[in-house]
């Protein structure tokens, strides 16, 4: 299903067979030689694939690389392979030139697989969870969540296409200090709206967004002033029981609008109510990984190379967020059986990575290898050449919902996925809505629509686009380059999955569309001879399918009209 990989394997095997044949002929000495590495060179003027095997063998064979290369080329057989020619360049590079069969098979594969083109079977498939966004349900989602949402969703997609069993999960932090602060914040606004702003001093540390005032207004509409008759504890319980589900429902609504669909919404509160946090902490204690000090229970984090030890249970008996996080990840590995867990976190959480991995190591869950954290840098929103200021504390945050009111969902998804997670990025709101080739999303969508229009017009003019054609008639440089670009998709997906970098899809999409435009401008279709015309139409359809597939993976539309 990956013709690039097949070609590499064929070239490597041909070189190895040639080496053994040269040994049998007495031209090369027998020795322990390295594995044959075959790569696609940046400059393909000498060949489509290249191997440095002859140079790697110089030391074990005690011979000049050029002489080794000459002996190998003299004994090599390219029969039944995708290659038609081998040559030597420089000090001993072995260069392979693809034959017409490879190009024909590459296009046939796209037609055969259709919407599945690009999917591969992993050699060692894993059961993987990707946890991302996981915002506190105490307010609307901000720009960090917007970027993390797309990066997590696209990473889950490439991991799936690379042959793994992937689950998308949202961890709802519905317990702990932030929930208490949320309750106090809404309570304060509730009292102020009923009795005036002087009735209660609004603590500067409380949440101050407009959403807090809206929830307070909802409670007044539902209960009037009856909550004032309750004790503070009872009142805050009512607030939490209404406010958290309301905010979670809004999160789900916004994420669905953002084309993100989770398999699991997991509640932190369930870990506490089930006793799972308590049980996990006891397991750490039984393994000698904890100690008591000043009434609190501590994890010996410094034993694992961390800068300081961490509190698991406070002196008041309450478990910390860190304790719950350990329990949550134990649940992922031990109870639900994930081979690997990948979390998308903000870069400000970097200090938490080793601590959590070490705690899982202490439980015997090999967190150092099985838990991966992708740290995501901040986003700077730009409009009119100026930074769009955001401040969650002052209630002037630009939320995900605000963003999707300003720009199309597809633009948000494409641009947030356009840089690797560890790279700080500027999001140009003006560029995202531009409808010209400066906008990379528009450029890619236009290429897809252009092909659809071309094929439609040909059908209207009575030219049936064939299911198959003789692709060996294609010989122009732009034709062959487009086939090569199309064939790269499975490799790009595998690379994106391995690097945990779905932004590779964006770069590939732009490169593919650029190559299509070069082909379209250089190679006439309608005026070509019938067999050349048919082959070019089949090539266009393969390009359309490949563009469709990669845009679908990013989660954006591949339009037929623009």
Protein backbone atom coordinates (compact mmCIF):
# COMPACT_ATOMS: atom_id res chain seq x y z
CA UNK A 1 0.00 0.00 0.00
CA UNK A 2 3.09 2.25 0.06
CA UNK A 3 4.86 2.22 -3.29
CA UNK A 4 7.71 4.41 -2.05
CA UNK A 5 8.50 1.89 0.65
CA UNK A 6 8.19 -0.96 -1.83
CA UNK A 7 10.59 0.74 -4.23
CA UNK A 8 13.10 1.34 -1.44
CA UNK A 9 12.93 -2.31 -0.41
CA UNK A 10 13.36 -3.47 -4.00
CA UNK A 11 16.40 -1.24 -4.50
CA UNK A 12 17.96 -2.35 -1.21
CA UNK A 13 17.44 -6.03 -2.02
CA UNK A 14 18.84 -5.58 -5.53
CA UNK A 15 22.00 -3.96 -4.13
CA UNK A 16 22.45 -6.69 -1.52
CA UNK A 17 21.93 -9.43 -4.13
CA UNK A 18 24.47 -7.70 -6.39
CA UNK A 19 27.00 -7.54 -3.57
CA UNK A 20 26.66 -11.28 -2.92
CA UNK A 21 26.94 -11.97 -6.67
CA UNK A 22 30.15 -9.88 -6.80
CA UNK A 23 31.52 -11.86 -3.85
CA UNK A 24 30.73 -15.12 -5.63
CA UNK A 25 32.54 -13.81 -8.73
CA UNK A 26 35.58 -12.96 -6.63
CA UNK A 27 35.31 -9.23 -7.38
CA UNK A 28 34.48 -8.13 -3.83
CA UNK A 29 35.66 -9.61 -0.53
CA UNK A 30 33.14 -11.21 1.81
CA UNK A 31 32.62 -9.20 4.99
CA UNK A 32 29.98 -8.09 7.44
CA UNK A 33 28.38 -5.21 5.56
CA UNK A 34 25.86 -2.65 6.82
CA UNK A 35 22.17 -2.74 5.96
CA UNK A 36 21.45 -1.15 2.61
CA UNK A 37 19.92 2.31 3.14
CA UNK A 38 17.92 3.79 0.26
CA UNK A 39 16.61 7.35 0.27
CA UNK A 40 14.90 9.82 -2.03
CA UNK A 41 17.52 12.51 -2.75
CA UNK A 42 16.61 16.19 -2.57
CA UNK A 43 17.87 16.62 -6.12
CA UNK A 44 16.59 13.83 -8.35
CA UNK A 45 18.47 14.80 -11.53
CA UNK A 46 20.79 11.78 -11.11
CA UNK A 47 18.11 9.37 -9.97
CA UNK A 48 14.80 8.97 -8.16
CA UNK A 49 16.34 6.93 -5.33
CA UNK A 50 19.90 6.77 -4.06
CA UNK A 51 22.03 4.57 -1.80
CA UNK A 52 25.35 5.29 -0.11
CA UNK A 53 25.97 1.57 0.43
CA UNK A 54 29.27 1.56 -1.51
CA UNK A 55 30.71 4.32 0.67
CA UNK A 56 29.53 2.61 3.84
CA UNK A 57 31.32 -0.56 2.70
CA UNK A 58 34.66 1.16 2.07
CA UNK A 59 36.00 0.36 5.54
CA UNK A 60 34.78 -3.25 5.98
CA UNK A 61 35.80 -4.16 2.41
CA UNK A 62 39.03 -2.08 2.44
CA UNK A 63 38.26 -0.80 -1.04
CA UNK A 64 37.52 2.51 -2.73
CA UNK A 65 33.75 3.24 -2.78
CA UNK A 66 33.75 3.89 -6.49
CA UNK A 67 35.21 0.47 -7.23
CA UNK A 68 32.63 -1.17 -4.96
CA UNK A 69 29.86 0.72 -6.75
CA UNK A 70 31.16 -0.34 -10.16
CA UNK A 71 31.21 -3.97 -9.11
CA UNK A 72 27.67 -3.77 -7.72
CA UNK A 73 26.27 -2.14 -10.87
CA UNK A 74 27.98 -4.80 -12.98
CA UNK A 75 26.14 -7.56 -11.11
CA UNK A 76 22.83 -5.92 -10.31
CA UNK A 77 19.54 -7.16 -11.75
CA UNK A 78 16.57 -4.80 -11.99
CA UNK A 79 14.26 -7.41 -13.50
CA UNK A 80 10.80 -7.54 -11.91
CA UNK A 81 11.52 -4.29 -10.06
CA UNK A 82 10.19 -0.76 -10.38
CA UNK A 83 13.54 0.47 -11.71
CA UNK A 84 14.81 0.73 -15.26
CA UNK A 85 18.31 2.06 -14.69
CA UNK A 86 21.13 2.28 -12.15
CA UNK A 87 24.08 4.67 -12.36
CA UNK A 88 27.00 5.87 -10.23
CA UNK A 89 27.53 9.47 -9.16
CA UNK A 90 30.29 11.23 -7.27
CA UNK A 91 32.44 9.08 -4.98
CA UNK A 92 30.12 6.09 -5.28
CA UNK A 93 26.44 6.95 -4.86
CA UNK A 94 24.18 4.33 -6.43
CA UNK A 95 21.33 6.08 -8.23
CA UNK A 96 18.14 4.35 -9.37
CA UNK A 97 15.75 5.62 -12.03
CA UNK A 98 12.10 4.56 -11.78
CA UNK A 99 10.46 2.83 -14.70
CA UNK A 100 6.99 3.46 -16.12
CA UNK A 101 5.42 0.58 -14.19
CA UNK A 102 5.98 2.37 -10.88
CA UNK A 103 4.17 5.48 -12.11
CA UNK A 104 1.28 3.43 -13.46
CA UNK A 105 0.98 1.41 -10.24
CA UNK A 106 1.12 4.58 -8.11
CA UNK A 107 -1.93 6.04 -9.86
CA UNK A 108 -3.73 2.68 -9.92
CA UNK A 109 -3.31 2.45 -6.15
CA UNK A 110 -5.10 5.77 -5.63
CA UNK A 111 -8.02 4.59 -7.77
CA UNK A 112 -8.11 1.27 -5.95
CA UNK A 113 -8.12 2.72 -2.42
CA UNK A 114 -10.14 5.88 -3.03
CA UNK A 115 -11.00 7.62 0.23
CA UNK A 116 -8.70 5.20 2.07
CA UNK A 117 -5.67 6.15 0.00
CA UNK A 118 -2.86 7.00 2.39
CA UNK A 119 -3.86 4.52 5.08
CA UNK A 120 -1.27 1.95 6.04
CA UNK A 121 -1.06 -1.10 8.28
CA UNK A 122 1.29 -0.50 11.19
CA UNK A 123 3.95 -3.14 11.71
CA UNK A 124 3.21 -2.97 15.45
CA UNK A 125 -0.22 -1.31 15.83
CA UNK A 126 -0.91 0.25 19.21
CA UNK A 127 -3.98 1.07 21.24
CA UNK A 128 -3.45 4.79 21.76
CA UNK A 129 -5.35 7.47 23.66
CA UNK A 130 -4.95 11.09 22.66
CA UNK A 131 -6.18 13.39 25.40
CA UNK A 132 -6.50 17.02 24.41
CA UNK A 133 -8.16 20.31 25.36
CA UNK A 134 -9.39 19.03 28.76
CA UNK A 135 -10.23 22.59 29.80
CA UNK A 136 -11.65 23.37 33.22
CA UNK A 137 -15.45 23.62 32.91
CA UNK A 138 -15.36 26.96 34.73
CA UNK A 139 -15.61 29.17 31.66
CA UNK A 140 -15.47 29.30 27.87
CA UNK A 141 -12.58 27.83 25.92
CA UNK A 142 -9.80 30.22 24.92
CA UNK A 143 -7.25 30.29 22.10
CA UNK A 144 -4.90 27.76 23.70
CA UNK A 145 -7.79 25.30 23.65
CA UNK A 146 -8.48 26.21 20.03
CA UNK A 147 -4.95 25.30 18.96
CA UNK A 148 -4.72 22.25 21.19
CA UNK A 149 -8.07 21.02 19.91
CA UNK A 150 -6.97 20.93 16.29
CA UNK A 151 -3.49 19.57 17.03
CA UNK A 152 -4.95 16.77 19.14
CA UNK A 153 -7.71 15.95 16.68
CA UNK A 154 -5.37 15.91 13.68
CA UNK A 155 -2.75 13.89 15.55
CA UNK A 156 -5.40 11.32 16.46
CA UNK A 157 -6.38 11.19 12.79
CA UNK A 158 -2.85 10.60 11.45
CA UNK A 159 -2.24 7.94 14.12
CA UNK A 160 -5.42 6.21 12.96
CA UNK A 161 -4.42 6.42 9.29
CA UNK A 162 -1.00 5.04 10.26
CA UNK A 163 -2.72 1.86 11.44
CA UNK A 164 -3.36 2.35 15.16
CA UNK A 165 -6.49 1.98 17.31
CA UNK A 166 -7.00 5.54 18.58
CA UNK A 167 -9.37 7.01 21.19
CA UNK A 168 -9.98 10.75 21.59
CA UNK A 169 -10.63 11.77 25.19
CA UNK A 170 -11.61 14.94 27.07
CA UNK A 171 -10.78 15.01 30.80
CA UNK A 172 -13.31 17.13 32.67
CA UNK A 173 -11.67 18.78 35.70
CA UNK A 174 -14.87 18.95 37.72
CA UNK A 175 -13.30 18.68 41.17
CA UNK A 176 -10.86 20.65 43.28
CA UNK A 177 -9.95 24.27 43.91
CA UNK A 178 -10.99 25.64 40.53
CA UNK A 179 -14.54 24.40 41.10
CA UNK A 180 -14.64 26.09 44.51
CA UNK A 181 -13.38 29.33 42.94
CA UNK A 182 -15.99 29.00 40.20
CA UNK A 183 -18.77 28.57 42.77
CA UNK A 184 -17.60 31.62 44.75
CA UNK A 185 -17.33 33.67 41.54
CA UNK A 186 -20.90 32.94 40.42
CA UNK A 187 -22.16 33.36 43.98
CA UNK A 188 -20.55 36.80 44.18
CA UNK A 189 -22.18 37.95 40.95
CA UNK A 190 -25.51 36.46 42.01
CA UNK A 191 -25.48 38.47 45.23
CA UNK A 192 -24.34 41.65 43.45
CA UNK A 193 -27.04 41.41 40.82
CA UNK A 194 -29.70 41.04 43.52
CA UNK A 195 -28.40 43.41 46.20
CA UNK A 196 -26.03 45.77 44.41
CA UNK A 197 -22.29 45.72 43.81
CA UNK A 198 -21.53 47.00 47.30
CA UNK A 199 -23.29 44.03 48.89
CA UNK A 200 -20.21 41.82 48.56
CA UNK A 201 -16.60 42.48 47.68
CA UNK A 202 -15.71 40.58 44.53
CA UNK A 203 -12.36 38.90 45.16
CA UNK A 204 -9.77 39.78 42.51
CA UNK A 205 -8.73 36.11 42.29
CA UNK A 206 -12.23 34.98 41.25
CA UNK A 207 -13.26 34.43 37.66
CA UNK A 208 -14.40 37.72 36.16
CA UNK A 209 -15.65 36.90 32.68
CA UNK A 210 -19.02 37.85 31.27
CA UNK A 211 -19.96 34.16 31.36
CA UNK A 212 -19.93 34.28 35.17
CA UNK A 213 -22.44 37.14 35.15
CA UNK A 214 -24.60 35.24 32.65
CA UNK A 215 -24.72 32.17 34.89
CA UNK A 216 -25.68 34.38 37.86
CA UNK A 217 -28.47 35.91 35.78
CA UNK A 218 -29.66 32.41 34.83
CA UNK A 219 -29.86 31.44 38.50
CA UNK A 220 -31.87 34.56 39.31
CA UNK A 221 -34.29 33.71 36.51
CA UNK A 222 -34.58 30.15 37.81
CA UNK A 223 -34.63 30.76 41.58
CA UNK A 224 -35.13 34.46 42.13
CA UNK A 225 -33.61 35.44 45.46
CA UNK A 226 -34.35 32.10 47.14
CA UNK A 227 -30.68 31.10 47.12
CA UNK A 228 -29.97 33.95 49.53
CA UNK A 229 -31.95 32.05 52.18
CA UNK A 230 -29.55 29.11 51.97
CA UNK A 231 -26.22 28.70 53.73
CA UNK A 232 -23.19 29.54 51.63
CA UNK A 233 -22.31 25.88 51.27
CA UNK A 234 -25.81 24.93 50.09
CA UNK A 235 -25.94 27.88 47.71
CA UNK A 236 -22.61 27.01 46.14
CA UNK A 237 -23.73 23.40 45.72
CA UNK A 238 -26.74 24.57 43.70
CA UNK A 239 -24.48 26.83 41.66
CA UNK A 240 -22.06 24.00 40.83
CA UNK A 241 -24.86 21.57 40.01
CA UNK A 242 -26.22 24.05 37.47
CA UNK A 243 -23.10 25.87 36.32
CA UNK A 244 -20.76 22.97 35.53
CA UNK A 245 -23.21 20.95 33.37
CA UNK A 246 -24.16 24.19 31.59
CA UNK A 247 -20.52 24.98 30.80
CA UNK A 248 -19.75 21.40 29.79
CA UNK A 249 -22.70 21.43 27.39
CA UNK A 250 -21.36 24.69 25.90
CA UNK A 251 -17.93 23.13 25.51
CA UNK A 252 -19.44 20.16 23.72
CA UNK A 253 -21.42 22.47 21.48
CA UNK A 254 -18.40 24.61 20.59
CA UNK A 255 -16.19 21.58 19.95
CA UNK A 256 -18.81 19.97 17.72
CA UNK A 257 -18.99 23.23 15.82
CA UNK A 258 -15.20 23.01 15.56
CA UNK A 259 -15.60 19.52 14.02
CA UNK A 260 -14.05 17.79 17.03
CA UNK A 261 -15.84 14.65 18.18
CA UNK A 262 -14.63 12.87 21.31
CA UNK A 263 -15.01 9.18 21.98
CA UNK A 264 -14.91 9.66 25.76
CA UNK A 265 -15.69 12.50 28.17
CA UNK A 266 -14.05 11.45 31.44
CA UNK A 267 -14.92 13.16 34.75
CA UNK A 268 -12.31 13.76 37.42
CA UNK A 269 -15.06 13.69 40.08
CA UNK A 270 -15.67 10.02 39.28
CA UNK A 271 -12.11 9.16 40.30
CA UNK A 272 -12.74 10.65 43.73
CA UNK A 273 -16.25 9.29 44.30
CA UNK A 274 -15.22 5.75 43.30
CA UNK A 275 -12.26 5.75 45.71
CA UNK A 276 -9.84 5.31 42.81
CA UNK A 277 -7.68 8.27 43.86
CA UNK A 278 -7.45 6.97 47.41
CA UNK A 279 -6.60 3.47 46.17
CA UNK A 280 -3.88 4.81 43.84
CA UNK A 281 -2.24 6.81 46.62
CA UNK A 282 -2.32 3.74 48.87
CA UNK A 283 -0.57 1.75 46.13
CA UNK A 284 2.20 4.34 46.03
CA UNK A 285 2.48 4.22 49.80
CA UNK A 286 2.66 0.41 49.76
CA UNK A 287 5.56 0.64 47.31
CA UNK A 288 7.46 2.91 49.68
CA UNK A 289 7.18 5.90 47.36
CA UNK A 290 5.58 8.22 49.94
CA UNK A 291 6.20 9.69 53.38
CA UNK A 292 4.25 11.81 55.87
CA UNK A 293 5.30 15.27 56.93
CA UNK A 294 3.36 17.92 58.85
CA UNK A 295 0.16 15.88 58.50
CA UNK A 296 0.39 15.67 54.69
CA UNK A 297 1.32 12.70 52.53
CA UNK A 298 4.16 13.35 50.07
CA UNK A 299 5.43 11.52 47.00
CA UNK A 300 9.20 11.00 46.92
CA UNK A 301 9.49 12.75 43.55
CA UNK A 302 13.13 13.72 44.20
CA UNK A 303 14.01 10.01 44.19
CA UNK A 304 13.14 10.10 40.48
CA UNK A 305 15.22 13.15 39.68
CA UNK A 306 12.52 15.78 40.20
CA UNK A 307 13.43 19.08 41.87
CA UNK A 308 11.04 18.69 44.78
CA UNK A 309 8.67 16.23 46.38
CA UNK A 310 4.93 16.56 45.76
CA UNK A 311 1.96 16.57 48.10
CA UNK A 312 -0.58 13.83 47.36
CA UNK A 313 -2.90 14.31 50.35
CA UNK A 314 -3.10 17.58 52.26
CA UNK A 315 -3.20 17.79 56.03
CA UNK A 316 -6.97 18.42 55.80
CA UNK A 317 -7.40 15.01 54.16
CA UNK A 318 -8.14 16.31 50.65
CA UNK A 319 -6.27 14.79 47.72
CA UNK A 320 -4.38 17.13 45.42
CA UNK A 321 -4.92 17.56 41.70
CA UNK A 322 -1.61 15.75 41.18
CA UNK A 323 -2.90 12.70 43.06
CA UNK A 324 -6.02 12.68 40.88
CA UNK A 325 -3.87 13.03 37.75
CA UNK A 326 -1.79 10.00 38.75
CA UNK A 327 -4.98 8.02 39.36
CA UNK A 328 -6.41 9.14 36.02
CA UNK A 329 -3.36 7.96 34.11
CA UNK A 330 -3.24 4.71 36.05
CA UNK A 331 -6.84 4.24 34.87
CA UNK A 332 -5.75 4.80 31.27
CA UNK A 333 -3.00 2.19 31.37
CA UNK A 334 -4.07 -0.36 33.96
CA UNK A 335 -7.85 -0.35 33.77
CA UNK A 336 -8.47 0.53 30.13
CA UNK A 337 -5.37 -1.08 28.67
CA UNK A 338 -3.92 1.63 26.44
CA UNK A 339 -0.46 0.83 25.13
CA UNK A 340 0.37 4.49 24.79
CA UNK A 341 -1.12 7.77 25.97
CA UNK A 342 -0.41 11.10 24.31
CA UNK A 343 -1.47 14.31 26.06
CA UNK A 344 -1.53 17.73 24.40
CA UNK A 345 -0.53 20.26 27.08
CA UNK A 346 0.33 23.92 27.15
CA UNK A 347 4.06 24.66 27.37
CA UNK A 348 3.54 26.10 30.87
CA UNK A 349 2.96 22.52 32.09
CA UNK A 350 6.47 21.34 31.15
CA UNK A 351 7.48 20.97 34.83
CA UNK A 352 4.64 18.51 35.38
CA UNK A 353 5.77 16.05 32.69
CA UNK A 354 8.61 14.26 34.50
CA UNK A 355 6.73 14.27 37.81
CA UNK A 356 3.76 12.44 36.34
CA UNK A 357 5.87 10.00 34.33
CA UNK A 358 7.91 9.22 37.46
CA UNK A 359 4.80 8.58 39.55
CA UNK A 360 3.59 6.10 36.93
CA UNK A 361 7.04 4.49 36.95
CA UNK A 362 6.68 4.06 40.71
CA UNK A 363 3.41 2.20 40.06
CA UNK A 364 5.19 -0.08 37.59
CA UNK A 365 3.37 1.36 34.57
CA UNK A 366 6.47 2.57 32.66
CA UNK A 367 5.24 6.13 32.37
CA UNK A 368 8.62 7.31 31.10
CA UNK A 369 8.01 5.47 27.82
CA UNK A 370 4.27 4.92 27.56
CA UNK A 371 3.12 8.44 28.47
CA UNK A 372 4.03 11.09 25.93
CA UNK A 373 3.40 14.79 26.39
CA UNK A 374 3.22 17.11 23.39
CA UNK A 375 3.92 20.61 24.71
CA UNK A 376 2.14 23.31 22.79
CA UNK A 377 3.42 26.88 22.56
CA UNK A 378 1.28 29.99 22.75
CA UNK A 379 -0.63 31.58 19.89
CA UNK A 380 -0.47 35.27 19.12
CA UNK A 381 -3.59 36.47 17.35
CA UNK A 382 -2.98 39.23 14.79
CA UNK A 383 -5.45 41.51 13.03
CA UNK A 384 -4.70 44.59 10.99
CA UNK A 385 -1.02 44.09 11.75
CA UNK A 386 -1.62 44.40 15.49
CA UNK A 387 -1.83 41.90 18.31
CA UNK A 388 -5.34 41.07 19.49
CA UNK A 389 -5.11 41.44 23.25
CA UNK A 390 -6.56 38.70 25.41
CA UNK A 391 -6.95 38.47 29.17
CA UNK A 392 -8.93 35.75 30.90
CA UNK A 393 -8.64 37.47 34.26
CA UNK A 394 -10.30 40.67 33.06
CA UNK A 395 -12.99 38.87 31.16
CA UNK A 396 -11.80 40.15 27.76
CA UNK A 397 -10.59 36.79 26.51
CA UNK A 398 -11.07 35.92 22.85
CA UNK A 399 -12.87 32.60 23.15
CA UNK A 400 -13.14 29.73 20.70
CA UNK A 401 -16.76 30.68 20.10
CA UNK A 402 -15.76 34.31 19.41
CA UNK A 403 -13.15 33.12 16.91
CA UNK A 404 -15.60 30.91 15.04
CA UNK A 405 -17.96 33.89 14.78
CA UNK A 406 -15.13 35.84 13.12
CA UNK A 407 -13.67 33.30 10.69
CA UNK A 408 -14.82 30.05 9.06
CA UNK A 409 -14.30 26.83 11.01
CA UNK A 410 -12.16 25.42 8.20
CA UNK A 411 -9.82 28.43 8.37
CA UNK A 412 -9.43 28.05 12.14
CA UNK A 413 -8.65 24.35 11.84
CA UNK A 414 -6.22 24.75 8.96
CA UNK A 415 -4.25 27.64 10.44
CA UNK A 416 -3.99 26.19 13.94
CA UNK A 417 -2.58 23.00 12.39
CA UNK A 418 -0.07 24.87 10.23
CA UNK A 419 2.82 24.83 12.74
CA UNK A 420 4.34 22.11 14.90
CA UNK A 421 3.11 22.21 18.49
CA UNK A 422 6.47 23.26 19.92
CA UNK A 423 6.59 26.29 17.60
CA UNK A 424 5.13 29.60 18.68
CA UNK A 425 2.74 30.83 16.06
CA UNK A 426 1.06 33.97 14.87
CA UNK A 427 -2.50 33.53 13.66
CA UNK A 428 -3.28 36.17 11.05
CA UNK A 429 -7.04 36.66 11.20
CA UNK A 430 -6.99 38.77 8.04
CA UNK A 431 -5.13 36.12 6.04
CA UNK A 432 -7.48 33.39 7.26
CA UNK A 433 -10.47 34.99 5.51
CA UNK A 434 -8.61 36.07 2.35
CA UNK A 435 -9.88 34.45 -0.82
CA UNK A 436 -6.76 34.31 -2.95
CA UNK A 437 -3.61 32.23 -3.30
CA UNK A 438 -1.95 34.03 -0.37
CA UNK A 439 -4.24 32.00 1.86
CA UNK A 440 -2.87 28.42 1.83
CA UNK A 441 -6.25 26.90 2.68
CA UNK A 442 -7.94 28.73 -0.18
CA UNK A 443 -5.06 27.69 -2.45
CA UNK A 444 -5.60 24.00 -1.63
CA UNK A 445 -9.38 24.13 -1.78
CA UNK A 446 -9.20 25.96 -5.10
CA UNK A 447 -6.99 23.21 -6.55
CA UNK A 448 -9.59 20.59 -5.60
CA UNK A 449 -12.44 22.67 -7.04
CA UNK A 450 -10.41 23.33 -10.20
CA UNK A 451 -10.00 19.60 -10.85
CA UNK A 452 -13.69 19.00 -10.18
CA UNK A 453 -14.56 21.75 -12.66
CA UNK A 454 -12.19 20.33 -15.28
CA UNK A 455 -13.59 16.80 -15.04
CA UNK A 456 -17.14 18.13 -15.06
CA UNK A 457 -16.55 20.18 -18.22
CA UNK A 458 -14.93 17.25 -20.00
CA UNK A 459 -17.97 15.09 -19.23
CA UNK A 460 -20.29 17.88 -20.46
CA UNK A 461 -18.33 17.98 -23.71
CA UNK A 462 -18.81 14.26 -24.20
CA UNK A 463 -15.39 13.09 -23.03
CA UNK A 464 -15.83 10.26 -20.54
CA UNK A 465 -13.15 10.20 -17.89
CA UNK A 466 -11.98 6.57 -18.01
CA UNK A 467 -11.59 4.41 -14.93
CA UNK A 468 -8.20 3.31 -16.26
CA UNK A 469 -5.80 4.47 -18.93
CA UNK A 470 -2.39 3.60 -20.30
CA UNK A 471 -0.29 5.64 -17.87
CA UNK A 472 2.95 4.67 -19.62
CA UNK A 473 2.27 7.41 -22.17
CA UNK A 474 3.03 10.02 -19.50
CA UNK A 475 6.58 11.27 -19.91
CA UNK A 476 6.57 15.02 -19.28
CA UNK A 477 8.53 16.19 -16.26
CA UNK A 478 5.46 17.84 -14.71
CA UNK A 479 3.39 14.68 -15.11
CA UNK A 480 5.94 12.44 -13.44
CA UNK A 481 6.57 14.99 -10.68
CA UNK A 482 2.84 15.07 -9.87
CA UNK A 483 2.71 11.27 -9.65
CA UNK A 484 5.66 11.33 -7.27
CA UNK A 485 3.99 13.96 -5.11
CA UNK A 486 0.77 11.95 -4.97
CA UNK A 487 2.72 8.84 -3.97
CA UNK A 488 4.22 10.64 -0.96
CA UNK A 489 0.97 10.75 1.04
CA UNK A 490 1.39 7.41 2.89
CA UNK A 491 4.98 8.38 3.79
CA UNK A 492 3.86 11.79 5.03
CA UNK A 493 1.19 10.25 7.22
CA UNK A 494 3.65 7.76 8.71
CA UNK A 495 6.12 10.59 9.32
CA UNK A 496 3.49 12.83 10.88
CA UNK A 497 2.44 10.01 13.20
CA UNK A 498 6.03 9.17 14.17
CA UNK A 499 6.97 12.81 14.78
CA UNK A 500 3.65 13.58 16.51
CA UNK A 501 3.45 16.49 14.08
CA UNK A 502 0.20 16.72 12.07
CA UNK A 503 1.30 20.08 10.61
CA UNK A 504 3.18 18.01 8.03
CA UNK A 505 -0.20 17.44 6.39
CA UNK A 506 -0.60 21.17 5.73
CA UNK A 507 2.84 21.44 4.15
CA UNK A 508 2.17 18.36 2.04
CA UNK A 509 -1.21 19.69 0.88
CA UNK A 510 0.33 22.95 -0.33
CA UNK A 511 3.19 21.14 -2.09
CA UNK A 512 0.75 18.74 -3.77
CA UNK A 513 -1.50 21.54 -5.00
CA UNK A 514 1.48 23.55 -6.24
CA UNK A 515 2.64 20.53 -8.22
CA UNK A 516 -0.83 20.07 -9.66
CA UNK A 517 -0.97 23.70 -10.81
CA UNK A 518 2.45 23.31 -12.47
CA UNK A 519 1.24 20.21 -14.28
CA UNK A 520 -2.05 21.85 -15.31
CA UNK A 521 -0.31 24.91 -16.70
CA UNK A 522 2.34 22.91 -18.60
CA UNK A 523 0.34 19.97 -19.96
CA UNK A 524 -2.66 20.56 -22.19
CA UNK A 525 -5.47 18.09 -21.65
CA UNK A 526 -8.34 18.85 -23.98
CA UNK A 527 -6.12 19.30 -27.03
CA UNK A 528 -3.92 16.25 -26.39
CA UNK A 529 -4.15 13.01 -28.32
CA UNK A 530 -6.83 10.71 -26.95
CA UNK A 531 -4.60 8.28 -25.06
CA UNK A 532 -2.51 11.10 -23.56
CA UNK A 533 -5.66 13.05 -22.73
CA UNK A 534 -7.17 10.02 -20.97
CA UNK A 535 -3.99 9.37 -18.98
CA UNK A 536 -3.87 13.01 -17.89
CA UNK A 537 -7.53 12.91 -16.85
CA UNK A 538 -6.88 9.81 -14.74
CA UNK A 539 -3.90 11.62 -13.22
CA UNK A 540 -6.13 14.62 -12.43
CA UNK A 541 -8.64 12.37 -10.72
CA UNK A 542 -5.89 10.78 -8.61
CA UNK A 543 -4.67 14.26 -7.63
CA UNK A 544 -8.22 15.26 -6.68
CA UNK A 545 -8.63 12.17 -4.52
CA UNK A 546 -5.31 12.78 -2.77
CA UNK A 547 -6.12 16.45 -2.09
CA UNK A 548 -9.52 15.39 -0.77
CA UNK A 549 -7.99 12.82 1.55
CA UNK A 550 -5.39 15.13 3.07
CA UNK A 551 -7.87 17.99 3.57
CA UNK A 552 -10.31 15.54 5.15
CA UNK A 553 -7.60 14.45 7.59
CA UNK A 554 -7.05 18.07 8.63
CA UNK A 555 -10.80 18.32 9.07
CA UNK A 556 -11.57 20.89 6.38
CA UNK A 557 -13.86 20.79 3.37
CA UNK A 558 -12.68 19.87 -0.12
CA UNK A 559 -15.21 21.88 -2.17
CA UNK A 560 -16.30 21.01 -5.69
CA UNK A 561 -17.21 24.61 -6.53
CA UNK A 562 -15.57 27.91 -5.58
